[in-house]
Amino acid sequence: MLFIISGPSGCGKSTLVHQARNKIKDLQFSVSHTTRKKRASEKEGEDYYFISKQEFRKMVKADKMVEWAMVHGKMYGTSRREIERKPSQGDLLLDIDIQGAQQLKERFRKAVFIFILPPSYKELKKRLEKRGEESLRFIHKRLQTAKKEIRFYSDFDYIVINDKIEKASQELTSIILSVRCRIEVRQKEIGPIIRTFNQVKREYYE
């Protein structure tokens, strides 16, 4: 099962995804490619694959990306290799932008789409400023983009409002676990159990 996590920059996607991965077994993470610079707290191959624009364009041209988008002048995308290789090891979790999520919605109709919504515009602005990694001009640009992005919340299957991180983390975890309990998902497990009942001969009790 593919779980697509999306939402505006600063809404807390990365933190929630990290906590979900720590809480849930057999949950793989799709590492995206990006042309932006690596932040001090990030690790190559764990948070992103950091590549040049030239390398990124080559991957797009060779049809090695299942989705990609230009966000604030930087390129982000999910490689076909990540989607094809990791699901065999468990469910796959993707942390991507709104544009990427919309592209995947057309290609993977059975995937579960989860939108992370900040509690308010004011709080989102506060979180972006608190990072201290970008200029006020760039933060303003992100906020203007966020105004447009939140309009797409209704295209998603679930909404998690990230007001308090503990509550939001619990909600995201609950969504993933509940989807795993769907009949169509557990069919392989259900069949053998039902057969044990069908195979039992008539029993007599005194």
Protein backbone atom coordinates (compact mmCIF):
# COMPACT_ATOMS: atom_id res chain seq x y z
CA MET A 1 0.00 0.00 0.00
CA LEU A 2 1.21 3.49 -0.85
CA PHE A 3 0.61 6.25 1.69
CA ILE A 4 1.01 9.72 0.17
CA ILE A 5 1.62 12.46 2.76
CA SER A 6 1.38 16.05 1.55
CA GLY A 7 0.72 19.58 2.72
CA PRO A 8 2.20 23.09 2.58
CA SER A 9 5.82 23.73 3.53
CA GLY A 10 6.15 24.15 7.31
CA CYS A 11 3.06 22.11 8.21
CA GLY A 12 5.19 19.44 9.91
CA LYS A 13 5.09 16.61 7.36
CA SER A 14 8.66 15.46 7.94
CA THR A 15 8.30 15.29 11.72
CA LEU A 16 5.05 13.32 11.52
CA VAL A 17 6.46 10.94 8.92
CA HIS A 18 9.54 10.33 11.07
CA GLN A 19 7.39 9.50 14.10
CA ALA A 20 5.14 7.19 12.08
CA ARG A 21 8.17 5.29 10.84
CA ASN A 22 9.38 4.82 14.41
CA LYS A 23 6.00 3.58 15.63
CA ILE A 24 4.90 1.27 12.81
CA LYS A 25 6.66 -1.88 11.65
CA ASP A 26 7.21 -2.71 7.97
CA LEU A 27 6.73 0.90 6.91
CA GLN A 28 9.23 1.86 4.24
CA PHE A 29 10.08 5.46 3.34
CA SER A 30 10.41 6.71 -0.21
CA VAL A 31 13.45 8.98 -0.39
CA SER A 32 12.87 11.77 -2.89
CA HIS A 33 15.44 13.38 -5.19
CA THR A 34 15.99 17.14 -5.00
CA THR A 35 18.25 19.79 -6.47
CA ARG A 36 18.18 22.00 -3.37
CA LYS A 37 21.11 22.18 -0.96
CA LYS A 38 21.30 19.79 1.98
CA ARG A 39 20.41 21.27 5.36
CA ALA A 40 22.71 20.69 8.33
CA SER A 41 20.24 18.29 9.97
CA GLU A 42 19.69 16.19 6.82
CA LYS A 43 21.43 13.02 5.68
CA GLU A 44 22.08 11.92 2.11
CA GLY A 45 20.01 8.89 1.18
CA GLU A 46 17.82 9.15 4.29
CA ASP A 47 16.07 12.51 3.94
CA TYR A 48 16.73 13.13 0.24
CA TYR A 49 19.02 12.20 -2.61
CA PHE A 50 20.72 15.52 -3.34
CA ILE A 51 21.61 15.80 -7.02
CA SER A 52 22.33 18.51 -9.59
CA LYS A 53 19.71 19.95 -11.93
CA GLN A 54 21.52 18.29 -14.83
CA GLU A 55 21.24 14.86 -13.18
CA PHE A 56 17.60 15.48 -12.33
CA ARG A 57 16.73 16.45 -15.89
CA LYS A 58 18.45 13.30 -17.19
CA MET A 59 16.27 11.17 -14.89
CA VAL A 60 13.11 12.92 -16.09
CA LYS A 61 14.11 12.52 -19.74
CA ALA A 62 14.84 8.82 -19.19
CA ASP A 63 11.37 8.38 -17.59
CA LYS A 64 12.94 7.42 -14.25
CA MET A 65 10.58 9.68 -12.26
CA VAL A 66 6.99 8.74 -11.39
CA GLU A 67 6.36 12.32 -10.29
CA TRP A 68 8.32 15.54 -10.12
CA ALA A 69 7.76 19.25 -9.70
CA MET A 70 9.54 22.59 -9.60
CA VAL A 71 9.01 24.14 -6.16
CA HIS A 72 10.44 27.60 -5.44
CA GLY A 73 13.06 27.14 -8.13
CA LYS A 74 14.18 23.71 -6.88
CA MET A 75 13.30 20.35 -8.40
CA TYR A 76 11.79 17.53 -6.35
CA GLY A 77 10.74 14.08 -7.49
CA THR A 78 10.15 10.41 -6.70
CA SER A 79 12.13 7.88 -8.70
CA ARG A 80 10.46 4.89 -10.30
CA ARG A 81 13.04 2.70 -8.55
CA GLU A 82 11.80 3.77 -5.09
CA ILE A 83 8.19 2.92 -5.95
CA GLU A 84 9.00 -0.44 -7.56
CA ARG A 85 11.59 -1.71 -5.07
CA LYS A 86 10.46 -0.78 -1.58
CA PRO A 87 6.78 -1.92 -1.46
CA SER A 88 7.99 -5.56 -1.51
CA GLN A 89 9.45 -4.91 1.93
CA GLY A 90 6.26 -3.43 3.40
CA ASP A 91 3.96 -0.43 2.95
CA LEU A 92 5.57 2.62 1.40
CA LEU A 93 5.28 6.15 2.80
CA LEU A 94 5.86 9.18 0.56
CA ASP A 95 6.40 12.72 1.83
CA ILE A 96 5.86 14.93 -1.22
CA ASP A 97 4.52 18.32 -2.29
CA ILE A 98 1.00 18.99 -3.54
CA GLN A 99 1.96 18.94 -7.23
CA GLY A 100 3.57 15.54 -6.85
CA ALA A 101 0.59 14.15 -4.95
CA GLN A 102 -1.76 15.24 -7.73
CA GLN A 103 0.38 13.46 -10.32
CA LEU A 104 0.42 10.24 -8.29
CA LYS A 105 -3.35 10.39 -7.76
CA GLU A 106 -3.78 9.82 -11.48
CA ARG A 107 -1.34 6.89 -11.54
CA PHE A 108 -2.01 5.11 -8.24
CA ARG A 109 -5.75 5.22 -7.59
CA LYS A 110 -5.58 2.69 -4.75
CA ALA A 111 -3.02 4.72 -2.80
CA VAL A 112 -4.07 6.49 0.40
CA PHE A 113 -3.70 10.28 0.29
CA ILE A 114 -3.26 12.18 3.57
CA PHE A 115 -3.18 15.98 3.82
CA ILE A 116 -1.37 17.66 6.73
CA LEU A 117 -3.10 20.92 7.55
CA PRO A 118 -1.55 23.60 9.82
CA PRO A 119 -3.90 25.00 12.50
CA SER A 120 -3.84 28.50 10.97
CA TYR A 121 -2.01 30.81 8.59
CA LYS A 122 -0.52 32.65 11.56
CA GLU A 123 0.90 29.46 13.06
CA LEU A 124 2.35 28.34 9.73
CA LYS A 125 4.10 31.71 9.37
CA LYS A 126 5.47 31.36 12.90
CA ARG A 127 6.87 27.89 12.19
CA LEU A 128 8.56 28.96 8.98
CA GLU A 129 10.17 31.95 10.69
CA LYS A 130 11.28 29.78 13.62
CA ARG A 131 13.35 27.60 11.29
CA GLY A 132 15.75 30.50 10.80
CA GLU A 133 17.03 28.97 7.57
CA GLU A 134 15.49 31.32 5.00
CA SER A 135 15.10 35.02 4.31
CA LEU A 136 11.85 36.81 5.12
CA ARG A 137 11.32 37.30 1.38
CA PHE A 138 11.52 33.55 0.75
CA ILE A 139 9.26 32.80 3.72
CA HIS A 140 6.68 35.18 2.25
CA LYS A 141 6.94 33.29 -1.04
CA ARG A 142 6.30 29.98 0.75
CA LEU A 143 3.27 31.45 2.51
CA GLN A 144 1.79 32.69 -0.75
CA THR A 145 2.23 29.22 -2.18
CA ALA A 146 0.60 27.70 0.91
CA LYS A 147 -2.50 29.85 0.35
CA LYS A 148 -2.95 28.16 -3.01
CA GLU A 149 -1.99 24.65 -1.87
CA ILE A 150 -4.47 24.31 1.00
CA ARG A 151 -7.34 24.65 -1.48
CA PHE A 152 -6.58 21.10 -2.62
CA TYR A 153 -7.28 19.51 0.77
CA SER A 154 -10.60 18.09 -0.46
CA ASP A 155 -8.78 15.97 -3.05
CA PHE A 156 -7.30 13.86 -0.25
CA ASP A 157 -8.73 10.87 1.62
CA TYR A 158 -7.76 12.00 5.13
CA ILE A 159 -6.95 15.25 6.90
CA VAL A 160 -4.58 15.54 9.86
CA ILE A 161 -4.59 18.95 11.57
CA ASN A 162 -1.13 19.45 13.02
CA ASP A 163 -1.98 21.65 16.00
CA LYS A 164 -0.37 19.54 18.71
CA ILE A 165 2.32 17.21 17.41
CA GLU A 166 1.42 14.33 19.76
CA LYS A 167 -2.22 14.33 18.67
CA ALA A 168 -1.38 14.72 14.97
CA SER A 169 1.16 11.89 15.21
CA GLN A 170 -1.43 9.62 16.80
CA GLU A 171 -3.96 10.46 14.07
CA LEU A 172 -1.49 9.70 11.26
CA THR A 173 -0.49 6.43 12.88
CA SER A 174 -4.16 5.49 13.36
CA ILE A 175 -4.95 6.15 9.70
CA ILE A 176 -2.14 3.90 8.50
CA LEU A 177 -3.05 1.09 10.89
CA SER A 178 -6.76 1.31 10.08
CA VAL A 179 -6.06 1.07 6.33
CA ARG A 180 -4.02 -2.06 7.00
CA CYS A 181 -7.18 -3.61 8.49
CA ARG A 182 -9.32 -3.15 5.38
CA ILE A 183 -10.83 -6.37 4.04
CA GLU A 184 -9.14 -6.05 0.65
CA VAL A 185 -5.76 -5.48 2.32
CA ARG A 186 -6.04 -8.47 4.70
CA GLN A 187 -7.51 -10.90 2.18
CA LYS A 188 -4.40 -13.08 2.12
CA GLU A 189 -4.55 -13.45 5.90
CA ILE A 190 -8.31 -13.97 6.06
CA GLY A 191 -8.45 -16.84 3.55
CA PRO A 192 -6.35 -19.37 5.53
CA ILE A 193 -8.25 -18.56 8.74
CA ILE A 194 -11.64 -19.12 7.12
CA ARG A 195 -10.43 -22.42 5.65
CA THR A 196 -9.59 -23.74 9.13
CA PHE A 197 -13.28 -23.35 10.02
CA ASN A 198 -14.55 -24.87 6.77
CA GLN A 199 -12.34 -27.92 7.14
CA VAL A 200 -13.54 -28.84 10.63
CA LYS A 201 -15.73 -31.95 10.66
CA ARG A 202 -18.99 -31.95 12.57
CA GLU A 203 -18.30 -31.97 16.29
CA TYR A 204 -20.47 -33.57 18.93
CA TYR A 205 -20.83 -32.41 22.48
CA GLU A 206 -22.38 -34.35 25.34
